[in-house]
């Protein structure tokens, strides 16, 4: 991938499922399940891929730091 594109993506206000999963310390499948259940707010890109708000996910991950489970309902 083009390094300039990587820089843009890194500063983007949205993240992909895999990065969200890494932040939360869970699998991508878990992130998809949380999104499908309406517990994790997301939107779809023009290519129909899930996108998550970076700041929101970082805040939830920080709040959950040291806990064994993510705070649910995440979007509350």
N, C-alpha and C. Protein backbone atom coordinates (compact mmCIF):
# COMPACT_ATOMS: atom_id res chain seq x y z
N UNK A 1 0.85 -1.18 0.00
CA UNK A 1 0.00 0.00 0.00
C UNK A 1 0.89 1.24 0.00
N UNK A 2 0.44 2.24 -0.67
CA UNK A 2 1.15 3.51 -0.79
C UNK A 2 1.36 4.12 0.59
N UNK A 3 2.61 4.48 0.97
CA UNK A 3 2.87 5.08 2.29
C UNK A 3 2.07 6.35 2.56
N UNK A 4 1.82 7.15 1.53
CA UNK A 4 1.04 8.37 1.75
C UNK A 4 -0.41 8.02 2.09
N UNK A 5 -0.94 6.95 1.50
CA UNK A 5 -2.29 6.51 1.82
C UNK A 5 -2.34 5.98 3.24
N UNK A 6 -1.31 5.25 3.67
CA UNK A 6 -1.25 4.76 5.04
C UNK A 6 -1.28 5.92 6.03
N UNK A 7 -0.58 6.98 5.73
CA UNK A 7 -0.56 8.15 6.62
C UNK A 7 -1.95 8.77 6.72
N UNK A 8 -2.66 8.85 5.62
CA UNK A 8 -4.01 9.40 5.62
C UNK A 8 -4.93 8.51 6.45
N UNK A 9 -4.83 7.20 6.25
CA UNK A 9 -5.69 6.27 6.99
C UNK A 9 -5.41 6.33 8.49
N UNK A 10 -4.13 6.49 8.86
CA UNK A 10 -3.76 6.54 10.27
C UNK A 10 -4.40 7.74 10.96
N UNK A 11 -4.53 8.86 10.26
CA UNK A 11 -5.11 10.07 10.84
C UNK A 11 -6.61 10.17 10.60
N UNK A 12 -7.18 9.17 9.99
CA UNK A 12 -8.60 9.18 9.68
C UNK A 12 -9.43 9.08 10.97
N UNK A 13 -10.59 9.73 10.99
CA UNK A 13 -11.45 9.64 12.16
C UNK A 13 -12.18 8.29 12.26
N UNK A 14 -12.00 7.43 11.26
CA UNK A 14 -12.65 6.13 11.32
C UNK A 14 -11.62 5.01 11.21
N UNK A 15 -12.00 3.86 11.76
CA UNK A 15 -11.11 2.69 11.70
C UNK A 15 -11.89 1.49 11.18
N UNK A 16 -11.14 0.52 10.73
CA UNK A 16 -11.73 -0.71 10.21
C UNK A 16 -11.96 -1.71 11.34
N UNK A 17 -12.63 -2.79 11.00
CA UNK A 17 -12.98 -3.81 11.97
C UNK A 17 -11.74 -4.38 12.67
N UNK A 18 -10.68 -4.65 11.92
CA UNK A 18 -9.47 -5.23 12.51
C UNK A 18 -8.81 -4.33 13.52
N UNK A 19 -8.75 -3.03 13.22
CA UNK A 19 -8.13 -2.11 14.18
C UNK A 19 -8.99 -1.96 15.42
N UNK A 20 -10.30 -1.95 15.25
CA UNK A 20 -11.21 -1.89 16.38
C UNK A 20 -11.00 -3.13 17.26
N UNK A 21 -10.88 -4.28 16.64
CA UNK A 21 -10.66 -5.52 17.38
C UNK A 21 -9.35 -5.47 18.17
N UNK A 22 -8.29 -4.95 17.56
CA UNK A 22 -7.01 -4.83 18.26
C UNK A 22 -7.12 -3.89 19.46
N UNK A 23 -7.82 -2.78 19.28
CA UNK A 23 -8.01 -1.84 20.39
C UNK A 23 -8.73 -2.50 21.57
N UNK A 24 -9.74 -3.30 21.25
CA UNK A 24 -10.55 -3.94 22.28
C UNK A 24 -9.95 -5.24 22.80
N UNK A 25 -8.99 -5.79 22.07
CA UNK A 25 -8.40 -7.06 22.49
C UNK A 25 -9.33 -8.24 22.24
N UNK A 26 -10.11 -8.15 21.17
CA UNK A 26 -11.05 -9.22 20.81
C UNK A 26 -10.85 -9.58 19.34
N UNK A 27 -11.57 -10.57 18.87
CA UNK A 27 -11.46 -10.96 17.47
C UNK A 27 -12.30 -10.04 16.59
N UNK A 28 -12.01 -10.05 15.30
CA UNK A 28 -12.82 -9.29 14.35
C UNK A 28 -14.26 -9.81 14.34
N UNK A 29 -14.40 -11.10 14.52
CA UNK A 29 -15.74 -11.69 14.55
C UNK A 29 -16.55 -11.12 15.72
N UNK A 30 -15.91 -10.92 16.86
CA UNK A 30 -16.59 -10.33 18.02
C UNK A 30 -17.02 -8.90 17.72
N UNK A 31 -16.16 -8.13 17.07
CA UNK A 31 -16.51 -6.75 16.70
C UNK A 31 -17.70 -6.76 15.75
N UNK A 32 -17.69 -7.65 14.76
CA UNK A 32 -18.83 -7.74 13.83
C UNK A 32 -20.10 -8.10 14.57
N UNK A 33 -20.01 -9.04 15.50
CA UNK A 33 -21.18 -9.46 16.26
C UNK A 33 -21.73 -8.30 17.11
N UNK A 34 -20.84 -7.56 17.78
CA UNK A 34 -21.28 -6.41 18.57
C UNK A 34 -21.96 -5.37 17.69
N UNK A 35 -21.40 -5.14 16.51
CA UNK A 35 -22.00 -4.17 15.57
C UNK A 35 -23.36 -4.67 15.10
N UNK A 36 -23.46 -5.93 14.74
CA UNK A 36 -24.73 -6.49 14.27
C UNK A 36 -25.81 -6.45 15.34
N UNK A 37 -25.41 -6.58 16.61
CA UNK A 37 -26.36 -6.56 17.71
C UNK A 37 -26.74 -5.14 18.12
N UNK A 38 -26.13 -4.15 17.48
CA UNK A 38 -26.43 -2.77 17.80
C UNK A 38 -25.72 -2.27 19.05
N UNK A 39 -24.73 -3.02 19.52
CA UNK A 39 -24.00 -2.64 20.73
C UNK A 39 -22.79 -1.76 20.44
N UNK A 40 -22.36 -1.74 19.18
CA UNK A 40 -21.20 -0.96 18.79
C UNK A 40 -21.56 -0.13 17.57
N UNK A 41 -21.69 1.19 17.72
CA UNK A 41 -22.11 2.01 16.58
C UNK A 41 -21.10 1.97 15.44
N UNK A 42 -21.62 1.90 14.23
CA UNK A 42 -20.76 1.85 13.04
C UNK A 42 -21.55 2.35 11.85
N UNK A 43 -20.86 2.51 10.77
CA UNK A 43 -21.50 2.84 9.49
C UNK A 43 -20.78 2.05 8.41
N UNK A 44 -21.32 2.08 7.22
CA UNK A 44 -20.75 1.33 6.10
C UNK A 44 -20.07 2.27 5.12
N UNK A 45 -18.92 1.85 4.64
CA UNK A 45 -18.20 2.61 3.62
C UNK A 45 -18.92 2.41 2.28
N UNK A 46 -18.55 3.18 1.26
CA UNK A 46 -19.15 2.96 -0.06
C UNK A 46 -18.93 1.53 -0.57
N UNK A 47 -17.89 0.88 -0.09
CA UNK A 47 -17.64 -0.51 -0.47
C UNK A 47 -18.32 -1.51 0.45
N UNK A 48 -19.24 -1.02 1.31
CA UNK A 48 -20.04 -1.83 2.23
C UNK A 48 -19.21 -2.46 3.35
N UNK A 49 -18.09 -1.84 3.71
CA UNK A 49 -17.29 -2.33 4.83
C UNK A 49 -17.62 -1.50 6.06
N UNK A 50 -17.60 -2.16 7.22
CA UNK A 50 -17.90 -1.45 8.46
C UNK A 50 -16.79 -0.46 8.80
N UNK A 51 -17.18 0.68 9.33
CA UNK A 51 -16.24 1.68 9.82
C UNK A 51 -16.70 2.12 11.21
N UNK A 52 -15.73 2.34 12.08
CA UNK A 52 -16.00 2.71 13.46
C UNK A 52 -15.30 4.02 13.78
N UNK A 53 -15.90 4.83 14.63
CA UNK A 53 -15.31 6.10 15.02
C UNK A 53 -14.07 5.83 15.87
N UNK A 54 -12.92 6.31 15.41
CA UNK A 54 -11.65 6.06 16.09
C UNK A 54 -11.68 6.58 17.54
N UNK A 55 -12.09 7.83 17.73
CA UNK A 55 -12.08 8.43 19.07
C UNK A 55 -12.99 7.65 20.02
N UNK A 56 -14.16 7.25 19.53
CA UNK A 56 -15.09 6.50 20.36
C UNK A 56 -14.47 5.16 20.78
N UNK A 57 -13.89 4.45 19.83
CA UNK A 57 -13.31 3.14 20.13
C UNK A 57 -12.12 3.28 21.09
N UNK A 58 -11.31 4.31 20.90
CA UNK A 58 -10.18 4.53 21.80
C UNK A 58 -10.67 4.84 23.21
N UNK A 59 -11.76 5.62 23.32
CA UNK A 59 -12.32 5.96 24.63
C UNK A 59 -12.87 4.70 25.31
N UNK A 60 -13.60 3.87 24.58
CA UNK A 60 -14.16 2.64 25.15
C UNK A 60 -13.02 1.71 25.59
N UNK A 61 -11.99 1.60 24.75
CA UNK A 61 -10.85 0.74 25.09
C UNK A 61 -10.15 1.24 26.35
N UNK A 62 -10.01 2.56 26.49
CA UNK A 62 -9.37 3.13 27.68
C UNK A 62 -10.22 2.88 28.93
N UNK A 63 -11.54 3.01 28.79
CA UNK A 63 -12.43 2.76 29.93
C UNK A 63 -12.39 1.30 30.36
N UNK A 64 -12.16 0.41 29.40
CA UNK A 64 -12.15 -1.02 29.68
C UNK A 64 -10.77 -1.52 30.09
N UNK A 65 -9.76 -0.66 30.03
CA UNK A 65 -8.40 -1.06 30.33
C UNK A 65 -8.32 -1.73 31.70
N UNK A 66 -7.83 -2.96 31.71
CA UNK A 66 -7.69 -3.71 32.95
C UNK A 66 -8.93 -4.53 33.30
N UNK A 67 -10.03 -4.32 32.60
CA UNK A 67 -11.22 -5.10 32.84
C UNK A 67 -11.22 -6.30 31.91
N UNK A 68 -11.93 -7.34 32.30
CA UNK A 68 -11.98 -8.54 31.47
C UNK A 68 -13.01 -8.43 30.37
N UNK A 69 -13.97 -7.53 30.51
CA UNK A 69 -15.01 -7.38 29.49
C UNK A 69 -15.16 -5.91 29.12
N UNK A 70 -15.64 -5.68 27.92
CA UNK A 70 -15.92 -4.32 27.48
C UNK A 70 -17.19 -3.84 28.17
N UNK A 71 -17.26 -2.54 28.47
CA UNK A 71 -18.50 -2.02 29.05
C UNK A 71 -19.64 -2.16 28.03
N UNK A 72 -20.72 -2.75 28.43
CA UNK A 72 -21.89 -2.93 27.56
C UNK A 72 -23.05 -2.22 28.20
N UNK A 73 -23.80 -1.56 27.53
CA UNK A 73 -23.89 -1.34 26.11
C UNK A 73 -22.85 -0.31 25.71
N UNK A 74 -22.03 -0.64 24.72
CA UNK A 74 -20.91 0.19 24.32
C UNK A 74 -21.37 1.56 23.88
N UNK A 75 -22.44 1.64 23.13
CA UNK A 75 -22.91 2.91 22.61
C UNK A 75 -23.68 3.75 23.62
N UNK A 76 -23.86 3.26 24.82
CA UNK A 76 -24.66 3.99 25.82
C UNK A 76 -23.88 5.11 26.46
